[in-house]
C-alpha atoms as a PDB file:
ATOM      1  CA  UNK A   1       0.000   0.000   0.000  1.00  0.00           C
ATOM      2  CA  UNK A   2       1.223   3.481  -0.689  1.00  0.00           C
ATOM      3  CA  UNK A   3       0.529   6.446   1.580  1.00  0.00           C
ATOM      4  CA  UNK A   4      -2.619   7.519  -0.269  1.00  0.00           C
ATOM      5  CA  UNK A   5      -4.139   4.049   0.041  1.00  0.00           C
ATOM      6  CA  UNK A   6      -4.066   4.257   3.844  1.00  0.00           C
ATOM      7  CA  UNK A   7      -5.545   7.749   3.856  1.00  0.00           C
ATOM      8  CA  UNK A   8      -8.187   6.927   1.232  1.00  0.00           C
ATOM      9  CA  UNK A   9      -9.247   3.870   3.234  1.00  0.00           C
ATOM     10  CA  UNK A  10      -9.575   6.061   6.326  1.00  0.00           C
ATOM     11  CA  UNK A  11     -11.616   8.686   4.432  1.00  0.00           C
ATOM     12  CA  UNK A  12     -13.878   6.038   2.948  1.00  0.00           C
ATOM     13  CA  UNK A  13     -14.641   4.545   6.355  1.00  0.00           C
ATOM     14  CA  UNK A  14     -15.079   7.970   7.953  1.00  0.00           C
ATOM     15  CA  UNK A  15     -17.459   9.050   5.182  1.00  0.00           C
ATOM     16  CA  UNK A  16     -19.602   6.031   6.051  1.00  0.00           C
ATOM     17  CA  UNK A  17     -19.508   6.987   9.735  1.00  0.00           C
ATOM     18  CA  UNK A  18     -20.655  10.538   8.870  1.00  0.00           C
ATOM     19  CA  UNK A  19     -23.429   9.177   6.613  1.00  0.00           C
ATOM     20  CA  UNK A  20     -24.580   6.925   9.455  1.00  0.00           C
ATOM     21  CA  UNK A  21     -24.608   9.884  11.850  1.00  0.00           C
ATOM     22  CA  UNK A  22     -26.622  11.999   9.398  1.00  0.00           C
ATOM     23  CA  UNK A  23     -29.067   9.116   9.054  1.00  0.00           C
ATOM     24  CA  UNK A  24     -29.470   8.940  12.831  1.00  0.00           C
ATOM     25  CA  UNK A  25     -29.991  12.704  12.995  1.00  0.00           C
ATOM     26  CA  UNK A  26     -32.896  12.477  10.542  1.00  0.00           C
ATOM     27  CA  UNK A  27     -34.634  10.100  12.937  1.00  0.00           C
ATOM     28  CA  UNK A  28     -34.675  12.885  15.558  1.00  0.00           C
ATOM     29  CA  UNK A  29     -37.725  14.880  14.581  1.00  0.00           C
ATOM     30  CA  UNK A  30     -37.707  18.617  15.025  1.00  0.00           C
ATOM     31  CA  UNK A  31     -41.446  19.182  15.306  1.00  0.00           C
ATOM     32  CA  UNK A  32     -41.811  19.210  11.538  1.00  0.00           C
ATOM     33  CA  UNK A  33     -43.390  16.537   9.426  1.00  0.00           C
ATOM     34  CA  UNK A  34     -40.864  14.231   7.798  1.00  0.00           C
ATOM     35  CA  UNK A  35     -41.724  11.080   5.817  1.00  0.00           C
ATOM     36  CA  UNK A  36     -38.678   9.328   7.322  1.00  0.00           C
ATOM     37  CA  UNK A  37     -40.582   9.275  10.650  1.00  0.00           C
ATOM     38  CA  UNK A  38     -42.555   6.388   9.176  1.00  0.00           C
ATOM     39  CA  UNK A  39     -39.540   4.356   7.983  1.00  0.00           C
ATOM     40  CA  UNK A  40     -39.885   1.951  10.904  1.00  0.00           C
ATOM     41  CA  UNK A  41     -43.633   1.419  10.485  1.00  0.00           C
ATOM     42  CA  UNK A  42     -44.417  -2.079   9.223  1.00  0.00           C
ATOM     43  CA  UNK A  43     -47.714  -3.835   8.782  1.00  0.00           C
ATOM     44  CA  UNK A  44     -48.845  -7.326   7.965  1.00  0.00           C
ATOM     45  CA  UNK A  45     -49.729  -7.490   4.267  1.00  0.00           C
ATOM     46  CA  UNK A  46     -50.883 -10.928   3.142  1.00  0.00           C
ATOM     47  CA  UNK A  47     -48.765 -12.603   5.800  1.00  0.00           C
ATOM     48  CA  UNK A  48     -45.618 -10.578   5.096  1.00  0.00           C
ATOM     49  CA  UNK A  49     -44.236  -7.810   7.280  1.00  0.00           C
ATOM     50  CA  UNK A  50     -44.111  -4.919   4.804  1.00  0.00           C
ATOM     51  CA  UNK A  51     -42.834  -1.339   5.241  1.00  0.00           C
ATOM     52  CA  UNK A  52     -45.596   1.271   5.093  1.00  0.00           C
ATOM     53  CA  UNK A  53     -43.747   3.216   2.397  1.00  0.00           C
ATOM     54  CA  UNK A  54     -44.205   0.250   0.014  1.00  0.00           C
ATOM     55  CA  UNK A  55     -47.970   0.203   0.533  1.00  0.00           C
ATOM     56  CA  UNK A  56     -48.845   3.887   0.359  1.00  0.00           C
ATOM     57  CA  UNK A  57     -47.906   7.286  -0.968  1.00  0.00           C
ATOM     58  CA  UNK A  58     -46.565   9.464   1.833  1.00  0.00           C
ATOM     59  CA  UNK A  59     -46.389  13.218   1.371  1.00  0.00           C
ATOM     60  CA  UNK A  60     -46.241  16.442   3.365  1.00  0.00           C
ATOM     61  CA  UNK A  61     -49.143  18.828   2.573  1.00  0.00           C
ATOM     62  CA  UNK A  62     -48.120  21.237   5.374  1.00  0.00           C
ATOM     63  CA  UNK A  63     -45.074  21.725   7.605  1.00  0.00           C
ATOM     64  CA  UNK A  64     -46.678  19.847  10.518  1.00  0.00           C
ATOM     65  CA  UNK A  65     -48.768  17.295   8.661  1.00  0.00           C
ATOM     66  CA  UNK A  66     -48.140  13.956   6.960  1.00  0.00           C
ATOM     67  CA  UNK A  67     -50.629  12.454   4.541  1.00  0.00           C
ATOM     68  CA  UNK A  68     -50.662   8.716   3.845  1.00  0.00           C
ATOM     69  CA  UNK A  69     -52.693   7.500   0.892  1.00  0.00           C
ATOM     70  CA  UNK A  70     -52.635   3.686   0.646  1.00  0.00           C
ATOM     71  CA  UNK A  71     -52.681   2.004  -2.744  1.00  0.00           C
ATOM     72  CA  UNK A  72     -55.342  -0.333  -1.318  1.00  0.00           C
ATOM     73  CA  UNK A  73     -57.974   1.483   0.808  1.00  0.00           C
ATOM     74  CA  UNK A  74     -58.767  -1.707   2.739  1.00  0.00           C
ATOM     75  CA  UNK A  75     -55.418  -1.182   4.505  1.00  0.00           C
ATOM     76  CA  UNK A  76     -56.472   2.063   6.226  1.00  0.00           C
ATOM     77  CA  UNK A  77     -57.305   0.368   9.539  1.00  0.00           C
ATOM     78  CA  UNK A  78     -54.123  -1.722   9.470  1.00  0.00           C
ATOM     79  CA  UNK A  79     -52.019   1.364   8.752  1.00  0.00           C
ATOM     80  CA  UNK A  80     -53.617   3.238  11.653  1.00  0.00           C
ATOM     81  CA  UNK A  81     -52.941   0.301  13.963  1.00  0.00           C
ATOM     82  CA  UNK A  82     -49.323   0.001  12.764  1.00  0.00           C
ATOM     83  CA  UNK A  83     -48.698   3.713  13.410  1.00  0.00           C
ATOM     84  CA  UNK A  84     -50.096   3.383  16.948  1.00  0.00           C
ATOM     85  CA  UNK A  85     -47.947   0.282  17.559  1.00  0.00           C
ATOM     86  CA  UNK A  86     -44.820   2.038  16.268  1.00  0.00           C
ATOM     87  CA  UNK A  87     -45.178   4.378  19.275  1.00  0.00           C
ATOM     88  CA  UNK A  88     -44.266   7.543  17.370  1.00  0.00           C
ATOM     89  CA  UNK A  89     -46.093   9.837  19.767  1.00  0.00           C
ATOM     90  CA  UNK A  90     -48.597  10.915  17.104  1.00  0.00           C
ATOM     91  CA  UNK A  91     -52.250  10.145  16.488  1.00  0.00           C
ATOM     92  CA  UNK A  92     -53.336   9.141  12.977  1.00  0.00           C
ATOM     93  CA  UNK A  93     -56.683  10.457  11.668  1.00  0.00           C
ATOM     94  CA  UNK A  94     -58.520   8.330   9.120  1.00  0.00           C
ATOM     95  CA  UNK A  95     -60.912  10.132   6.747  1.00  0.00           C
ATOM     96  CA  UNK A  96     -61.937   6.988   4.856  1.00  0.00           C
ATOM     97  CA  UNK A  97     -59.620   7.667   1.947  1.00  0.00           C
ATOM     98  CA  UNK A  98     -56.292   8.533   3.531  1.00  0.00           C
ATOM     99  CA  UNK A  99     -54.651   9.018   6.904  1.00  0.00           C
ATOM    100  CA  UNK A 100     -53.427  12.348   8.197  1.00  0.00           C
ATOM    101  CA  UNK A 101     -50.946  12.745  11.013  1.00  0.00           C
ATOM    102  CA  UNK A 102     -50.574  16.146  12.641  1.00  0.00           C
ATOM    103  CA  UNK A 103     -47.221  16.623  14.330  1.00  0.00           C
ATOM    104  CA  UNK A 104     -47.662  18.402  17.663  1.00  0.00           C
ATOM    105  CA  UNK A 105     -45.305  21.292  18.413  1.00  0.00           C
ATOM    106  CA  UNK A 106     -42.426  20.320  20.676  1.00  0.00           C
ATOM    107  CA  UNK A 107     -42.264  21.549  24.249  1.00  0.00           C
ATOM    108  CA  UNK A 108     -39.112  23.222  25.523  1.00  0.00           C
ATOM    109  CA  UNK A 109     -38.396  20.197  27.724  1.00  0.00           C
ATOM    110  CA  UNK A 110     -38.784  17.787  24.795  1.00  0.00           C
ATOM    111  CA  UNK A 111     -36.490  19.951  22.642  1.00  0.00           C
ATOM    112  CA  UNK A 112     -33.801  19.775  25.317  1.00  0.00           C
ATOM    113  CA  UNK A 113     -34.178  15.970  25.497  1.00  0.00           C
ATOM    114  CA  UNK A 114     -33.771  15.753  21.736  1.00  0.00           C
ATOM    115  CA  UNK A 115     -30.669  17.983  21.846  1.00  0.00           C
ATOM    116  CA  UNK A 116     -29.228  15.639  24.479  1.00  0.00           C
ATOM    117  CA  UNK A 117     -29.977  12.678  22.188  1.00  0.00           C
ATOM    118  CA  UNK A 118     -28.272  14.456  19.261  1.00  0.00           C
ATOM    119  CA  UNK A 119     -25.196  15.063  21.424  1.00  0.00           C
ATOM    120  CA  UNK A 120     -25.092  11.357  22.315  1.00  0.00           C
ATOM    121  CA  UNK A 121     -25.275  10.448  18.629  1.00  0.00           C
ATOM    122  CA  UNK A 122     -22.486  12.870  17.788  1.00  0.00           C
ATOM    123  CA  UNK A 123     -20.294  11.443  20.554  1.00  0.00           C
ATOM    124  CA  UNK A 124     -20.902   7.968  19.118  1.00  0.00           C
ATOM    125  CA  UNK A 125     -19.832   9.382  15.746  1.00  0.00           C
ATOM    126  CA  UNK A 126     -16.602  10.735  17.262  1.00  0.00           C
ATOM    127  CA  UNK A 127     -15.925   7.379  18.885  1.00  0.00           C
ATOM    128  CA  UNK A 128     -16.440   5.724  15.517  1.00  0.00           C
ATOM    129  CA  UNK A 129     -13.933   8.119  13.921  1.00  0.00           C
ATOM    130  CA  UNK A 130     -11.387   7.390  16.691  1.00  0.00           C
ATOM    131  CA  UNK A 131     -11.850   3.651  16.202  1.00  0.00           C
ATOM    132  CA  UNK A 132     -11.273   4.029  12.467  1.00  0.00           C
ATOM    133  CA  UNK A 133      -8.080   6.011  13.200  1.00  0.00           C
ATOM    134  CA  UNK A 134      -6.908   3.252  15.547  1.00  0.00           C
ATOM    135  CA  UNK A 135      -7.637   0.552  12.947  1.00  0.00           C
ATOM    136  CA  UNK A 136      -5.728   2.427  10.227  1.00  0.00           C
ATOM    137  CA  UNK A 137      -2.778   3.022  12.565  1.00  0.00           C
ATOM    138  CA  UNK A 138      -2.742  -0.715  13.339  1.00  0.00           C
ATOM    139  CA  UNK A 139      -2.656  -1.480   9.603  1.00  0.00           C
ATOM    140  CA  UNK A 140       0.181   1.030   9.106  1.00  0.00           C
ATOM    141  CA  UNK A 141       2.197  -0.538  11.951  1.00  0.00           C
ATOM    142  CA  UNK A 142       1.660  -4.072  10.616  1.00  0.00           C
ATOM    143  CA  UNK A 143       3.121  -3.055   7.259  1.00  0.00           C
ATOM    144  CA  UNK A 144       6.543  -2.297   8.842  1.00  0.00           C
ATOM    145  CA  UNK A 145       7.070   1.036   7.119  1.00  0.00           C
ATOM    146  CA  UNK A 146      10.136   3.184   7.790  1.00  0.00           C
ATOM    147  CA  UNK A 147       9.691   5.136  11.027  1.00  0.00           C
ATOM    148  CA  UNK A 148       9.579   8.589   9.416  1.00  0.00           C
ATOM    149  CA  UNK A 149       7.033   7.466   6.798  1.00  0.00           C
ATOM    150  CA  UNK A 150       4.890   5.908   9.541  1.00  0.00           C
ATOM    151  CA  UNK A 151       5.042   9.111  11.612  1.00  0.00           C
ATOM    152  CA  UNK A 152       4.085  11.246   8.580  1.00  0.00           C
ATOM    153  CA  UNK A 153       1.154   8.950   7.803  1.00  0.00           C
ATOM    154  CA  UNK A 154      -0.090   9.111  11.386  1.00  0.00           C
ATOM    155  CA  UNK A 155       0.142  12.933  11.305  1.00  0.00           C
ATOM    156  CA  UNK A 156      -1.779  13.091   8.007  1.00  0.00           C
ATOM    157  CA  UNK A 157      -4.328  10.664   9.425  1.00  0.00           C
ATOM    158  CA  UNK A 158      -4.765  12.891  12.487  1.00  0.00           C
ATOM    159  CA  UNK A 159      -5.422  15.880  10.186  1.00  0.00           C
ATOM    160  CA  UNK A 160      -8.157  13.858   8.480  1.00  0.00           C
ATOM    161  CA  UNK A 161      -9.607  12.874  11.872  1.00  0.00           C
ATOM    162  CA  UNK A 162      -9.667  16.547  12.893  1.00  0.00           C
ATOM    163  CA  UNK A 163     -11.527  17.443   9.676  1.00  0.00           C
ATOM    164  CA  UNK A 164     -14.139  14.747  10.267  1.00  0.00           C
ATOM    165  CA  UNK A 165     -14.570  15.774  13.903  1.00  0.00           C
ATOM    166  CA  UNK A 166     -15.240  19.327  12.652  1.00  0.00           C
ATOM    167  CA  UNK A 167     -17.860  17.916  10.275  1.00  0.00           C
ATOM    168  CA  UNK A 168     -19.516  16.133  13.200  1.00  0.00           C
ATOM    169  CA  UNK A 169     -19.404  19.331  15.252  1.00  0.00           C
ATOM    170  CA  UNK A 170     -20.999  21.343  12.426  1.00  0.00           C
ATOM    171  CA  UNK A 171     -23.712  18.729  11.837  1.00  0.00           C
ATOM    172  CA  UNK A 172     -24.466  18.685  15.558  1.00  0.00           C
ATOM    173  CA  UNK A 173     -24.708  22.482  15.813  1.00  0.00           C
ATOM    174  CA  UNK A 174     -26.969  22.562  12.760  1.00  0.00           C
ATOM    175  CA  UNK A 175     -29.284  19.894  14.203  1.00  0.00           C
ATOM    176  CA  UNK A 176     -29.354  21.570  17.635  1.00  0.00           C
ATOM    177  CA  UNK A 177     -30.268  24.879  16.014  1.00  0.00           C
ATOM    178  CA  UNK A 178     -32.988  23.109  14.028  1.00  0.00           C
ATOM    179  CA  UNK A 179     -34.395  21.525  17.194  1.00  0.00           C
ATOM    180  CA  UNK A 180     -34.379  24.703  19.250  1.00  0.00           C
ATOM    181  CA  UNK A 181     -36.157  26.844  16.639  1.00  0.00           C
ATOM    182  CA  UNK A 182     -39.795  27.543  17.415  1.00  0.00           C
END
């Protein structure tokens, strides 16, 4: 492996860690309607556990409302039940043709809880980045490189780690700001 291979491997793994963190951040709702809130809602469809998004069109008619229009209207009751069972903290309203979910505004206390959760996620992201750095350093050491080349690689790797930690910090600040807006 040449020097760039080590660093590219580190960047590739760290990009995945950042993508995973961003994915986790989207699961933290900020009081606005987001179709991804329903990603974990499954219902029994002809004996198969099927994601809601495969059985209905989900769209956002307003900032605090989700509309779910099933392809098969006989599923309305099952969809309502699945949303209740998913324990999302919302109440679905069935109008006979589609289901509407109104997202309640967040309380100050709930916003602070969500910020705490975001900080936990970002710390897990930092830990992931540190573990990747450790793994790459282990690979570098196993390859018995000259001492000065190894030291330079570790310094370059640390620069990359610092950049990714800044990305995590920026993502966290952005999400916190999003959560604390009224």
